[in-house]
N, C-alpha and C. Protein backbone atom coordinates (compact mmCIF):
# COMPACT_ATOMS: atom_id res chain seq x y z
N MET A 1 0.84 -1.14 0.02
CA MET A 1 0.03 -0.04 0.03
C MET A 1 0.89 1.08 0.04
N PRO A 2 0.92 2.29 -0.91
CA PRO A 2 1.57 3.48 -1.00
C PRO A 2 1.45 4.21 0.29
N ALA A 3 2.43 4.79 0.75
CA ALA A 3 2.50 5.77 2.11
C ALA A 3 1.14 6.61 2.15
N HIS A 4 0.86 7.26 0.87
CA HIS A 4 -0.29 8.03 1.13
C HIS A 4 -1.60 7.51 1.30
N ALA A 5 -1.74 6.44 0.81
CA ALA A 5 -2.83 5.48 0.97
C ALA A 5 -3.00 4.89 2.22
N CYS A 6 -1.94 4.51 2.74
CA CYS A 6 -1.85 4.11 4.16
C CYS A 6 -2.10 5.26 5.15
N ARG A 7 -1.83 6.69 4.84
CA ARG A 7 -2.04 7.82 5.90
C ARG A 7 -3.76 7.98 5.67
N GLN A 8 -3.99 7.91 4.56
CA GLN A 8 -5.49 8.25 4.47
C GLN A 8 -6.45 7.07 5.32
N TRP A 9 -6.03 5.75 5.09
CA TRP A 9 -6.78 4.77 5.78
C TRP A 9 -6.64 4.98 7.20
N GLN A 10 -5.40 5.21 7.67
CA GLN A 10 -5.24 5.60 9.03
C GLN A 10 -6.18 6.66 9.54
N GLY A 11 -6.05 7.75 8.86
CA GLY A 11 -7.00 8.97 9.06
C GLY A 11 -8.68 8.62 9.05
N ALA A 12 -8.88 7.78 8.13
CA ALA A 12 -10.27 7.50 8.00
C ALA A 12 -10.54 6.54 9.24
N HIS A 13 -9.92 5.58 9.63
CA HIS A 13 -10.14 4.84 10.69
C HIS A 13 -9.54 5.26 12.10
N GLY A 14 -9.36 6.35 12.43
CA GLY A 14 -9.01 6.85 13.69
C GLY A 14 -7.76 6.29 14.17
N THR A 15 -6.79 5.97 13.55
CA THR A 15 -5.72 5.24 14.39
C THR A 15 -4.46 5.94 14.26
N ARG A 16 -4.27 7.11 13.81
CA ARG A 16 -3.41 8.09 14.12
C ARG A 16 -3.51 9.00 14.94
N GLY A 17 -2.40 9.49 15.51
CA GLY A 17 -2.26 10.65 16.67
C GLY A 17 -2.80 10.25 18.07
N GLY A 18 -2.76 9.04 18.50
CA GLY A 18 -2.93 8.84 19.79
C GLY A 18 -4.34 8.20 20.07
N SER A 19 -4.88 7.30 19.31
CA SER A 19 -5.87 6.26 19.66
C SER A 19 -6.22 5.84 20.95
N SER A 20 -7.16 6.23 21.92
CA SER A 20 -7.06 5.69 23.18
C SER A 20 -6.93 4.36 23.30
N ALA A 21 -7.31 3.38 22.24
CA ALA A 21 -7.33 1.93 22.29
C ALA A 21 -5.85 1.57 22.05
N ALA A 22 -4.97 2.51 21.05
CA ALA A 22 -3.63 1.89 20.95
C ALA A 22 -2.96 2.32 21.92
N GLN A 23 -3.15 3.32 22.92
CA GLN A 23 -2.29 3.76 23.73
C GLN A 23 -2.60 2.86 24.98
N ALA A 24 -3.81 2.18 25.14
CA ALA A 24 -4.08 1.30 26.39
C ALA A 24 -3.38 -0.03 25.78
N GLU A 25 -3.29 -0.39 24.58
CA GLU A 25 -2.83 -1.46 24.13
C GLU A 25 -1.13 -1.44 24.48
N GLU A 26 -0.56 -0.26 24.06
CA GLU A 26 0.74 -0.14 24.43
C GLU A 26 1.11 -0.02 25.93
N ALA A 27 0.20 0.47 26.63
CA ALA A 27 0.51 0.35 28.10
C ALA A 27 0.71 -1.17 28.63
N LEU A 28 -0.39 -1.69 28.13
CA LEU A 28 -0.45 -3.45 28.50
C LEU A 28 0.86 -4.23 27.97
N TRP A 29 1.33 -3.94 26.64
CA TRP A 29 2.63 -4.59 26.20
C TRP A 29 3.77 -4.05 26.92
N THR A 30 3.82 -2.80 27.31
CA THR A 30 5.09 -2.06 28.06
C THR A 30 4.98 -2.85 29.54
N GLU A 31 3.87 -3.26 29.99
CA GLU A 31 3.73 -3.89 31.38
C GLU A 31 4.22 -5.03 31.29
N LEU A 32 3.94 -5.89 30.40
CA LEU A 32 4.30 -7.16 29.86
C LEU A 32 5.88 -7.19 29.78
N ILE A 33 6.27 -6.54 28.90
CA ILE A 33 7.83 -6.02 28.61
C ILE A 33 8.47 -5.99 29.83
N ASP A 34 8.12 -4.98 30.59
CA ASP A 34 8.70 -4.65 31.87
C ASP A 34 8.98 -5.80 32.95
N LYS A 35 7.75 -6.61 32.79
CA LYS A 35 7.46 -7.58 33.91
C LYS A 35 8.66 -8.97 33.50
N TYR A 36 8.60 -9.10 32.31
CA TYR A 36 9.45 -10.37 31.94
C TYR A 36 10.81 -10.16 31.36
N ARG A 37 11.04 -9.08 30.91
CA ARG A 37 12.52 -8.63 30.34
C ARG A 37 13.46 -8.90 31.52
N GLY A 38 14.42 -9.83 31.25
CA GLY A 38 15.47 -9.97 32.00
C GLY A 38 15.26 -11.45 32.72
N LEU A 39 14.13 -11.97 32.89
CA LEU A 39 13.66 -13.39 33.37
C LEU A 39 14.50 -14.30 33.00
N ASP A 40 15.19 -15.05 33.58
CA ASP A 40 15.95 -16.34 33.14
C ASP A 40 15.07 -17.63 32.99
N ALA A 41 14.41 -17.52 31.76
CA ALA A 41 13.52 -18.64 31.39
C ALA A 41 13.88 -19.04 30.05
N PRO A 42 13.60 -20.11 29.65
CA PRO A 42 13.67 -20.49 27.98
C PRO A 42 12.93 -19.86 27.08
N TRP A 43 11.57 -19.34 27.79
CA TRP A 43 10.60 -18.82 26.87
C TRP A 43 10.75 -17.31 26.85
N THR A 44 11.69 -16.57 27.61
CA THR A 44 11.57 -15.30 27.85
C THR A 44 11.61 -14.58 26.42
N ALA A 45 12.74 -14.97 25.79
CA ALA A 45 12.99 -14.25 24.38
C ALA A 45 11.65 -14.10 23.71
N ASP A 46 11.06 -15.36 23.30
CA ASP A 46 9.89 -15.47 22.71
C ASP A 46 8.80 -14.51 23.18
N VAL A 47 8.57 -14.54 24.23
CA VAL A 47 7.38 -13.61 24.84
C VAL A 47 7.70 -12.03 24.67
N VAL A 48 8.82 -11.94 25.45
CA VAL A 48 9.31 -10.50 25.34
C VAL A 48 9.33 -9.85 23.62
N GLY A 49 10.17 -10.94 22.93
CA GLY A 49 10.20 -10.48 21.57
C GLY A 49 8.65 -10.30 20.80
N ARG A 50 7.67 -10.98 21.07
CA ARG A 50 6.37 -10.83 20.59
C ARG A 50 5.84 -9.60 21.14
N ALA A 51 5.89 -9.49 22.31
CA ALA A 51 5.12 -8.31 23.16
C ALA A 51 5.90 -7.06 22.45
N LEU A 52 7.37 -6.93 22.29
CA LEU A 52 7.80 -5.84 21.73
C LEU A 52 7.26 -5.55 20.37
N GLY A 53 7.31 -6.65 19.36
CA GLY A 53 6.46 -6.35 17.98
C GLY A 53 5.07 -5.83 18.19
N ASN A 54 4.28 -6.39 19.11
CA ASN A 54 3.00 -5.74 19.26
C ASN A 54 3.07 -4.31 19.70
N ARG A 55 3.85 -4.09 20.54
CA ARG A 55 4.03 -2.59 21.21
C ARG A 55 4.25 -1.78 19.97
N GLY A 56 5.43 -2.16 19.15
CA GLY A 56 5.49 -1.45 17.94
C GLY A 56 4.48 -1.16 16.87
N ASN A 57 3.48 -2.51 16.98
CA ASN A 57 2.21 -2.04 16.15
C ASN A 57 1.57 -1.17 16.59
N SER A 58 1.17 -1.14 17.92
CA SER A 58 0.37 -0.13 18.78
C SER A 58 0.87 1.20 18.46
N ARG A 59 2.35 1.17 18.51
CA ARG A 59 2.91 2.74 18.35
C ARG A 59 2.57 3.02 16.57
N VAL A 60 2.93 2.18 15.84
CA VAL A 60 2.45 2.65 14.58
C VAL A 60 1.07 3.30 14.34
N ARG A 61 0.17 2.61 14.93
CA ARG A 61 -1.19 2.95 14.67
C ARG A 61 -1.47 4.35 15.63
N GLN A 62 -0.59 4.84 16.26
CA GLN A 62 -0.60 5.98 16.96
C GLN A 62 0.14 7.15 16.23
N GLY A 63 0.80 6.79 14.96
CA GLY A 63 1.46 7.79 14.12
C GLY A 63 2.93 7.71 14.74
N ARG A 64 3.48 6.82 15.49
CA ARG A 64 4.86 6.92 16.05
C ARG A 64 5.74 6.09 15.65
N ALA A 65 6.11 6.04 14.27
CA ALA A 65 6.85 5.05 13.42
C ALA A 65 8.14 4.73 13.91
N GLU A 66 8.63 6.09 14.37
CA GLU A 66 10.22 6.08 14.71
C GLU A 66 10.35 5.04 16.12
N GLU A 67 9.37 5.39 16.86
CA GLU A 67 9.51 4.62 18.20
C GLU A 67 9.20 3.15 17.86
N ALA A 68 8.23 2.92 16.92
CA ALA A 68 8.07 1.38 16.53
C ALA A 68 9.29 0.64 16.15
N LEU A 69 9.93 1.38 15.33
CA LEU A 69 11.19 0.80 14.84
C LEU A 69 12.16 0.46 15.82
N ILE A 70 12.30 1.17 16.83
CA ILE A 70 13.10 0.67 18.05
C ILE A 70 12.56 -0.68 18.62
N ASP A 71 11.18 -0.68 18.75
CA ASP A 71 10.56 -2.05 19.16
C ASP A 71 10.80 -3.17 18.33
N PHE A 72 10.51 -2.87 17.05
CA PHE A 72 10.93 -4.03 15.85
C PHE A 72 12.32 -4.39 15.89
N ASP A 73 13.24 -3.50 15.95
CA ASP A 73 14.55 -3.86 16.15
C ASP A 73 14.93 -4.81 17.29
N ALA A 74 14.29 -4.29 18.52
CA ALA A 74 14.68 -5.22 19.54
C ALA A 74 13.99 -6.55 19.57
N ALA A 75 12.94 -6.51 19.00
CA ALA A 75 12.16 -7.89 18.93
C ALA A 75 12.92 -8.65 17.72
N ILE A 76 13.27 -8.43 16.68
CA ILE A 76 14.14 -8.99 15.87
C ILE A 76 15.63 -9.43 16.54
N ALA A 77 16.17 -8.55 17.30
CA ALA A 77 17.37 -9.11 18.08
C ALA A 77 17.27 -10.32 18.84
N LEU A 78 15.99 -10.30 19.69
CA LEU A 78 15.62 -11.23 20.58
C LEU A 78 15.07 -12.62 19.96
N CYS A 79 14.43 -12.53 18.82
CA CYS A 79 13.83 -13.37 18.25
C CYS A 79 14.11 -13.24 16.51
N PRO A 80 15.22 -13.64 16.20
CA PRO A 80 15.54 -13.65 14.89
C PRO A 80 14.92 -14.64 13.85
N TRP A 81 14.31 -15.54 14.30
CA TRP A 81 13.34 -16.36 13.75
C TRP A 81 12.11 -15.99 13.22
N ALA A 82 11.75 -14.92 13.74
CA ALA A 82 10.35 -14.23 13.75
C ALA A 82 10.37 -13.60 12.58
N VAL A 83 9.17 -13.79 11.76
CA VAL A 83 9.23 -12.79 10.73
C VAL A 83 8.19 -11.73 10.84
N ASP A 84 7.30 -11.76 11.67
CA ASP A 84 6.50 -10.54 11.82
C ASP A 84 7.14 -9.31 12.15
N PRO A 85 8.14 -9.24 13.15
CA PRO A 85 8.74 -7.66 13.39
C PRO A 85 9.38 -7.41 12.12
N VAL A 86 9.86 -8.18 11.11
CA VAL A 86 10.67 -7.71 10.00
C VAL A 86 9.74 -7.26 8.87
N LEU A 87 8.52 -7.93 9.08
CA LEU A 87 7.65 -7.42 8.03
C LEU A 87 7.19 -6.21 8.46
N ASN A 88 6.59 -6.23 9.94
CA ASN A 88 6.14 -4.91 10.21
C ASN A 88 7.09 -3.55 10.31
N ARG A 89 8.32 -3.90 10.32
CA ARG A 89 9.76 -2.95 10.34
C ARG A 89 9.65 -2.30 8.94
N GLY A 90 9.42 -2.97 7.94
CA GLY A 90 8.97 -2.60 6.46
C GLY A 90 8.04 -1.88 6.36
N VAL A 91 6.86 -2.25 6.98
CA VAL A 91 5.61 -1.42 6.84
C VAL A 91 5.80 0.07 7.49
N ALA A 92 6.52 0.00 8.54
CA ALA A 92 6.76 1.17 9.39
C ALA A 92 7.96 1.82 8.49
N LEU A 93 9.03 1.58 7.79
CA LEU A 93 9.66 2.43 6.83
C LEU A 93 9.10 2.81 5.99
N GLU A 94 8.07 2.08 5.27
CA GLU A 94 7.25 2.59 4.07
C GLU A 94 6.46 4.01 4.53
N GLY A 95 6.02 3.94 5.68
CA GLY A 95 4.98 4.90 6.05
C GLY A 95 5.86 6.30 6.58
N LEU A 96 6.95 5.84 6.73
CA LEU A 96 8.16 7.22 7.15
C LEU A 96 8.68 7.61 5.45
N GLU A 97 8.10 6.83 4.57
CA GLU A 97 8.71 7.14 3.04
C GLU A 97 10.33 7.00 3.26
N ARG A 98 10.85 6.07 4.13
CA ARG A 98 12.08 5.62 3.84
C ARG A 98 12.26 4.46 2.99
N TRP A 99 11.91 4.70 1.49
CA TRP A 99 11.92 3.52 0.72
C TRP A 99 13.13 2.55 0.55
N ASP A 100 14.12 3.14 0.56
CA ASP A 100 15.42 2.37 0.34
C ASP A 100 15.56 1.40 1.58
N ASP A 101 15.61 2.07 2.80
CA ASP A 101 15.52 1.36 4.05
C ASP A 101 14.43 0.17 3.93
N ALA A 102 13.33 0.15 3.23
CA ALA A 102 12.03 -0.57 3.42
C ALA A 102 12.57 -1.78 2.38
N ILE A 103 13.11 -1.31 1.29
CA ILE A 103 13.46 -2.09 0.36
C ILE A 103 14.41 -3.22 1.29
N ARG A 104 15.60 -2.74 1.71
CA ARG A 104 16.59 -3.28 2.23
C ARG A 104 15.97 -4.28 3.38
N CYS A 105 14.83 -3.72 4.09
CA CYS A 105 14.41 -4.83 5.17
C CYS A 105 13.50 -6.22 4.48
N ALA A 106 13.08 -5.74 3.46
CA ALA A 106 12.18 -6.64 2.72
C ALA A 106 13.24 -7.65 2.30
N ASP A 107 14.46 -7.16 1.59
CA ASP A 107 15.43 -8.13 1.03
C ASP A 107 16.44 -8.91 2.07
N GLY A 108 16.19 -8.50 3.41
CA GLY A 108 16.97 -8.79 4.46
C GLY A 108 18.20 -8.70 4.46
N THR A 109 18.64 -7.39 4.08
CA THR A 109 19.87 -6.99 3.94
C THR A 109 19.93 -5.70 4.96
C-alpha cells in the first residue's frame, strides 16, 4: 500500500495521533515487557520479542513509527526466527517514506 494511501486509511479509521485503544494496548505491552524482560527462562525471548513487536504495532497505529522501529529492532534481536517484526519494520519504514530502507528490510539486508 503506498504511504499516502496508508495515511488516508489511518486517518479514516481513527488510528493516527493517539487512539485511546492503541495507547491502552501500548501500556499493556509495556507492562508485560517490563515484567518479563531479564527473566531467566527459556521462553522469555519469545514472549518479550512478541510483546515488543506488538507494542511496535500499537505505536505505528498512533503515528509513532520512529518509536515503533526501536521496538521492531529489539524484537528482531531477541527473536531472529520471527518474521512478523521484520515485515512490520518494513511497513513502518514505508510509512516514513524511507523507501530504500524498506527495500533493504524486505530483502533481508
